[in-house]
N, C-alpha and C. Protein backbone atom coordinates (compact mmCIF):
# COMPACT_ATOMS: atom_id res chain seq x y z
N MET A 1 -53.84 311.90 59.78
CA MET A 1 -53.18 310.62 59.01
C MET A 1 -52.25 310.19 59.51
N VAL A 2 -51.90 309.02 59.40
CA VAL A 2 -50.79 308.22 60.19
C VAL A 2 -49.79 307.59 59.19
N VAL A 3 -48.42 307.61 59.39
CA VAL A 3 -47.70 306.86 58.60
C VAL A 3 -46.73 306.23 59.59
N SER A 4 -45.79 305.10 58.85
CA SER A 4 -45.07 304.55 59.80
C SER A 4 -43.28 304.76 59.57
N VAL A 5 -42.49 304.80 60.44
CA VAL A 5 -41.32 304.95 60.41
C VAL A 5 -40.80 303.44 60.63
N GLU A 6 -40.20 302.83 59.92
CA GLU A 6 -39.34 301.40 60.12
C GLU A 6 -37.95 301.58 60.66
N PHE A 7 -37.54 300.94 61.57
CA PHE A 7 -36.04 301.06 61.76
C PHE A 7 -35.48 299.64 61.92
N TYR A 8 -34.33 299.83 61.41
CA TYR A 8 -33.43 298.52 61.12
C TYR A 8 -31.96 298.88 61.76
N GLY A 9 -31.37 297.59 61.99
CA GLY A 9 -30.02 297.59 62.68
C GLY A 9 -29.94 298.46 63.87
N ALA A 10 -28.89 299.33 63.69
CA ALA A 10 -28.50 300.03 64.62
C ALA A 10 -29.40 301.01 65.17
N GLN A 11 -30.19 301.59 64.19
CA GLN A 11 -31.38 302.40 64.56
C GLN A 11 -32.43 301.61 65.45
N ARG A 12 -32.55 300.36 65.36
CA ARG A 12 -33.48 299.48 66.06
C ARG A 12 -32.96 299.51 67.24
N ALA A 13 -31.57 299.34 67.50
CA ALA A 13 -30.99 299.16 68.67
C ALA A 13 -31.07 300.50 69.52
N LEU A 14 -30.92 301.61 68.88
CA LEU A 14 -30.97 302.93 69.53
C LEU A 14 -32.32 303.32 70.04
N THR A 15 -33.40 302.97 69.28
CA THR A 15 -34.88 303.12 69.35
C THR A 15 -35.39 302.17 70.23
N ARG A 16 -35.09 301.16 70.24
CA ARG A 16 -35.57 299.92 70.98
C ARG A 16 -37.17 299.49 70.48
N THR A 17 -37.14 299.86 69.06
CA THR A 17 -38.34 299.61 68.56
C THR A 17 -38.05 299.23 67.18
N HIS A 18 -39.06 298.74 66.34
CA HIS A 18 -38.77 298.14 64.88
C HIS A 18 -39.64 299.26 64.10
N GLU A 19 -40.54 300.18 64.67
CA GLU A 19 -41.33 300.99 64.10
C GLU A 19 -42.30 301.87 65.05
N VAL A 20 -42.46 303.01 64.46
CA VAL A 20 -43.19 304.10 65.26
C VAL A 20 -44.03 304.85 64.34
N LYS A 21 -45.48 304.90 64.96
CA LYS A 21 -46.41 305.64 64.03
C LYS A 21 -46.21 307.18 64.22
N VAL A 22 -46.41 307.85 63.19
CA VAL A 22 -46.29 309.39 63.01
C VAL A 22 -47.52 309.91 62.68
N PRO A 23 -48.04 310.79 63.56
CA PRO A 23 -49.30 311.54 63.12
C PRO A 23 -48.81 312.55 62.06
N LEU A 24 -49.70 312.82 61.21
CA LEU A 24 -49.25 313.89 60.19
C LEU A 24 -50.53 314.45 59.54
N LEU A 25 -50.35 315.91 59.31
CA LEU A 25 -51.32 316.49 58.53
C LEU A 25 -51.38 316.14 57.20
N GLU A 26 -52.36 316.33 56.49
CA GLU A 26 -52.34 315.91 55.12
C GLU A 26 -51.38 316.92 54.18
N ASN A 27 -50.90 316.33 53.28
CA ASN A 27 -49.77 316.94 52.47
C ASN A 27 -48.55 317.02 53.28
N GLY A 28 -48.42 316.13 54.41
CA GLY A 28 -47.14 316.13 55.18
C GLY A 28 -46.06 315.59 54.38
N ARG A 29 -45.04 315.99 54.53
CA ARG A 29 -43.75 315.32 53.75
C ARG A 29 -42.64 314.55 54.44
N VAL A 30 -41.91 313.88 53.79
CA VAL A 30 -40.98 313.02 54.62
C VAL A 30 -40.00 313.79 55.53
N ARG A 31 -39.92 315.22 55.00
CA ARG A 31 -38.87 316.14 55.97
C ARG A 31 -39.80 316.19 57.03
N ASP A 32 -40.94 316.33 57.23
CA ASP A 32 -41.70 316.49 58.48
C ASP A 32 -41.68 315.41 59.61
N VAL A 33 -41.63 314.12 58.84
CA VAL A 33 -41.48 312.94 59.49
C VAL A 33 -40.11 312.83 60.22
N ALA A 34 -39.26 313.19 59.48
CA ALA A 34 -37.81 313.32 60.03
C ALA A 34 -37.60 314.14 61.11
N LYS A 35 -38.26 315.19 61.03
CA LYS A 35 -38.26 316.20 62.33
C LYS A 35 -38.93 315.53 63.48
N TYR A 36 -40.15 315.11 63.25
CA TYR A 36 -40.79 314.50 64.45
C TYR A 36 -40.18 313.38 64.99
N VAL A 37 -39.27 312.36 64.18
CA VAL A 37 -38.68 311.37 64.59
C VAL A 37 -37.61 311.78 65.49
N SER A 38 -36.73 312.84 64.74
CA SER A 38 -35.55 313.49 65.59
C SER A 38 -35.95 314.09 67.09
N SER A 39 -37.19 314.40 67.14
CA SER A 39 -37.69 314.90 68.46
C SER A 39 -37.95 313.68 69.49
N LEU A 40 -38.33 312.80 68.65
CA LEU A 40 -38.62 311.62 69.54
C LEU A 40 -37.22 310.78 70.05
N TYR A 41 -36.20 311.06 69.17
CA TYR A 41 -34.94 310.06 69.31
C TYR A 41 -33.94 311.17 68.91
N PRO A 42 -33.70 311.92 69.92
CA PRO A 42 -32.46 313.14 69.51
C PRO A 42 -31.04 312.55 69.29
N ASP A 43 -30.67 311.37 69.75
CA ASP A 43 -29.43 310.49 69.35
C ASP A 43 -29.50 309.64 68.08
N LEU A 44 -30.60 309.81 67.45
CA LEU A 44 -30.75 309.13 66.26
C LEU A 44 -30.06 310.03 64.95
N PRO A 45 -28.94 309.70 64.21
CA PRO A 45 -28.40 310.57 63.33
C PRO A 45 -29.21 310.81 62.02
N LEU A 46 -30.12 311.82 62.10
CA LEU A 46 -30.95 312.05 60.90
C LEU A 46 -30.42 313.13 60.03
N ASP A 47 -29.32 313.47 59.97
CA ASP A 47 -28.63 314.55 59.03
C ASP A 47 -28.99 313.93 57.67
N GLU A 48 -29.45 315.00 56.88
CA GLU A 48 -29.95 314.82 55.41
C GLU A 48 -28.79 313.93 54.62
N GLU A 49 -27.33 314.48 54.76
CA GLU A 49 -26.36 313.81 54.12
C GLU A 49 -26.06 312.63 54.59
N ASN A 50 -26.50 311.87 55.42
CA ASN A 50 -26.27 310.56 56.22
C ASN A 50 -27.25 309.42 56.11
N PHE A 51 -28.11 309.76 55.00
CA PHE A 51 -29.22 308.42 55.10
C PHE A 51 -29.88 308.61 53.71
N LEU A 52 -30.36 307.33 53.32
CA LEU A 52 -31.29 307.39 52.15
C LEU A 52 -32.54 307.22 52.52
N VAL A 53 -33.42 308.11 51.88
CA VAL A 53 -34.80 307.84 52.39
C VAL A 53 -35.74 306.70 51.30
N THR A 54 -36.38 306.04 52.01
CA THR A 54 -37.22 304.87 51.08
C THR A 54 -38.91 305.42 51.78
N VAL A 55 -39.86 305.24 50.70
CA VAL A 55 -41.10 305.28 51.08
C VAL A 55 -41.77 304.10 50.30
N ASN A 56 -42.48 303.34 51.25
CA ASN A 56 -43.04 301.92 50.56
C ASN A 56 -42.04 301.05 49.77
N ASN A 57 -40.66 301.15 50.29
CA ASN A 57 -39.56 300.45 49.83
C ASN A 57 -39.05 300.90 48.37
N LYS A 58 -39.27 302.18 48.18
CA LYS A 58 -38.87 302.89 46.83
C LYS A 58 -38.03 304.18 47.37
N VAL A 59 -36.90 304.33 46.50
CA VAL A 59 -35.99 305.36 47.20
C VAL A 59 -36.89 306.53 46.88
N SER A 60 -36.76 307.48 47.79
CA SER A 60 -37.49 308.88 47.84
C SER A 60 -36.71 310.17 48.07
N THR A 61 -37.38 311.06 48.43
CA THR A 61 -36.81 312.43 48.84
C THR A 61 -37.56 312.93 49.98
N LEU A 62 -36.73 313.85 50.67
CA LEU A 62 -37.23 314.59 51.83
C LEU A 62 -38.49 315.16 51.60
N ASN A 63 -38.70 315.80 50.22
CA ASN A 63 -39.92 316.59 49.86
C ASN A 63 -40.99 315.88 49.27
N HIS A 64 -41.00 314.53 49.35
CA HIS A 64 -42.00 313.69 48.92
C HIS A 64 -43.16 313.94 49.69
N ILE A 65 -44.53 313.94 49.20
CA ILE A 65 -45.79 314.25 49.90
C ILE A 65 -46.31 312.76 50.29
N LEU A 66 -46.51 312.57 51.37
CA LEU A 66 -46.96 311.27 51.80
C LEU A 66 -48.36 311.09 52.08
N ASN A 67 -48.83 309.78 51.94
CA ASN A 67 -50.17 309.35 51.97
C ASN A 67 -50.47 308.44 53.27
N TYR A 68 -51.70 308.41 53.45
CA TYR A 68 -52.20 307.45 54.78
C TYR A 68 -51.53 306.06 54.75
N ASN A 69 -50.95 305.63 55.75
CA ASN A 69 -50.25 304.26 55.84
C ASN A 69 -48.93 304.08 55.03
N ASP A 70 -48.44 305.22 54.43
CA ASP A 70 -47.04 305.06 53.80
C ASP A 70 -46.03 304.41 55.03
N LYS A 71 -45.20 303.81 54.52
CA LYS A 71 -43.90 303.03 55.31
C LYS A 71 -42.66 304.11 54.96
N ILE A 72 -41.75 304.57 55.89
CA ILE A 72 -40.71 305.30 55.60
C ILE A 72 -39.66 304.77 56.52
N ALA A 73 -38.45 304.71 55.68
CA ALA A 73 -37.23 304.27 56.15
C ALA A 73 -36.08 305.25 56.13
N PHE A 74 -35.34 305.39 56.93
CA PHE A 74 -34.31 306.29 56.74
C PHE A 74 -32.94 305.33 57.08
N LEU A 75 -32.51 304.96 55.76
CA LEU A 75 -31.43 304.02 55.91
C LEU A 75 -29.92 304.62 55.81
N PRO A 76 -29.02 304.45 56.54
CA PRO A 76 -27.74 305.09 56.63
C PRO A 76 -26.85 304.58 55.34
N HIS A 77 -26.18 305.31 54.90
CA HIS A 77 -25.26 305.05 53.83
C HIS A 77 -24.34 304.03 54.31
N ILE A 78 -23.78 303.15 53.79
CA ILE A 78 -22.96 302.01 54.00
C ILE A 78 -21.63 302.34 53.26
N GLY A 79 -20.52 302.56 53.80
CA GLY A 79 -19.22 302.79 53.21
C GLY A 79 -18.31 301.71 53.43
N GLY A 80 -17.48 301.71 52.68
CA GLY A 80 -16.37 300.58 52.70
C GLY A 80 -15.02 301.24 52.14
N GLY A 81 -14.18 300.43 51.98
CA GLY A 81 -12.92 300.95 51.39
C GLY A 81 -11.58 299.90 51.49
């Protein structure tokens, strides 16, 4: 099965792409995708506490079981003050 990870803003600049396809075994989870993406882009900050996960544009979790062609995004938290 294959899923997609979409990159936005600074992530897109760092990865130099807007999307990467990720091969995944059946019953793969978002957590597995995060590990795979981290191995491709070690400078990409994907620490659990630093981002919000979306699957098909809906807020999700790292334990979410993925389906074929799902689209995942790891959106950094935006802070202000």
